[in-house]
Amino acid sequence: MPHRLYPPLERLRRELFDSPASPESSERLPDQDAVQEDTPPPAMPDFIREHIARTVAAQLAHVPSAPAVGQIRALSAVNAINDRNSRPLGRNVGVLLGAHLGGKQWQGWLVTADTDYATDRDLLIEDDDGPADPQAGMVMTRLPLRAIIPGDAPILAKLSPARLGAVIALAEAPTGAEPIPPRPGHIFARDLDAEHVGITGSPLGGPGDPRHAYRALHRQLADEMSSAAEALALQTEEQPSRSGFFAWLFSRHWAPAPVLAALIAVISVQNLWLNVSDDETRRYRGHSATTTPCATVARLRVVFKASAPQEAVVLLLRKAEVRVVSGPSEIGEWWLGLPADASVNEALAQLRNSPLVADIIVVETKEAACQP
């Protein structure tokens, strides 16, 4: 007998594409006076207790902040930017943020709660990923999309740069990379590539496999969300210069391995850039920063090798105590700055001696100064 997957497909279809029912009920509540005072309440099932605990832990861990790479944000509507343009959903879906396209537009991947429907291309969220709301169950790596992310959209979970690398590695994995038979409703630990491991489902089976219909429903939703975001982009007067670069990297036709490596480095450093400090969060919320940062003493032009692993790039930048000023350009140039109290020669030596760096030069040197 085949494994019954939960929730049922018809229920999912209604929640994703039918108008949510109005909160009306003809059911009468029981007469409280008729309830005996000595009747004990029914015990709460363990799975509900665990669900509540995970939800509360995620809410406490992920305080409101600006959208940033690696966050999984909950959306309750398609194109949720204002009531006039929104189509409410009957259930929340998640979006793993991969690249900022300017304004409220982000490129990323669809995230759902329904791990029963996991295929070999869906990466499950694990305990090691930190507190995660049960609504963030798995990343559908073959469903990239563009979405409008409101600043107040709840944060369901946060993934590290290494886990973002696992998402991309799974999306890029060749068909039939793992000799696993189709087993709907079952999950497996896998080596995604030489550097990443993860938990996924099994490959899709024949026409009777219900995961085909599940994927089709969410492909339709992802296409609708992308179309709504793209339509809004056409109405926006100012388009960010780097949106075309990221849109190219995240095109539905997946990039070859060298571009993939470059993208992982982009995601890693952008993640650091967008989470620099509490001052950045205050500026996002409309508050002015309390201080003006010190001027840097140098500008470095760096080109990383396309094969550079993202974890190694992040560690190198931290060790050299540099910050990203701008980049990458379409030819792979990064512009880095150094704090006033940092040694230019030491940072330059660390970067020059690293096998991750293809080219580096000092472009500008100036006196250290801090504005009041």
Foldseek 3Di string as FASTA:
>chain_A
DADDFPDDPVVVLCQAPNADDDPDDPDDDDDPVPDDPPDDDDDDDPVVVVLVVLQVQQPVVDDQFFDAAQWKFKDQWFQPPDPVLTRGGNDIKIWHFQADFDDQKGKTFTFALRQLLWEQLKFADDVVQDRFRSRRGITNLLLIAMAGHDSPGDTGGGGALLVVLLSVLSNPQDPPPDVDDARRRDKDWADSDPRDIGITHYHDDDPVGCSVVVVVSVSVVRVSNRVSVVVVVVVDPDTDPCNVVVCVCPPSPHDDQLSSLLSSQVRNQRNCVCPVDVQSRCVVVPHHRPFDAKDFFWKKKWAFGSNDHNVVSNVLCVVLQWHWPDDDDPVRITIITHHLPHDPVVSVVSQVPDPGTPDMDIDDGDHIDGDD
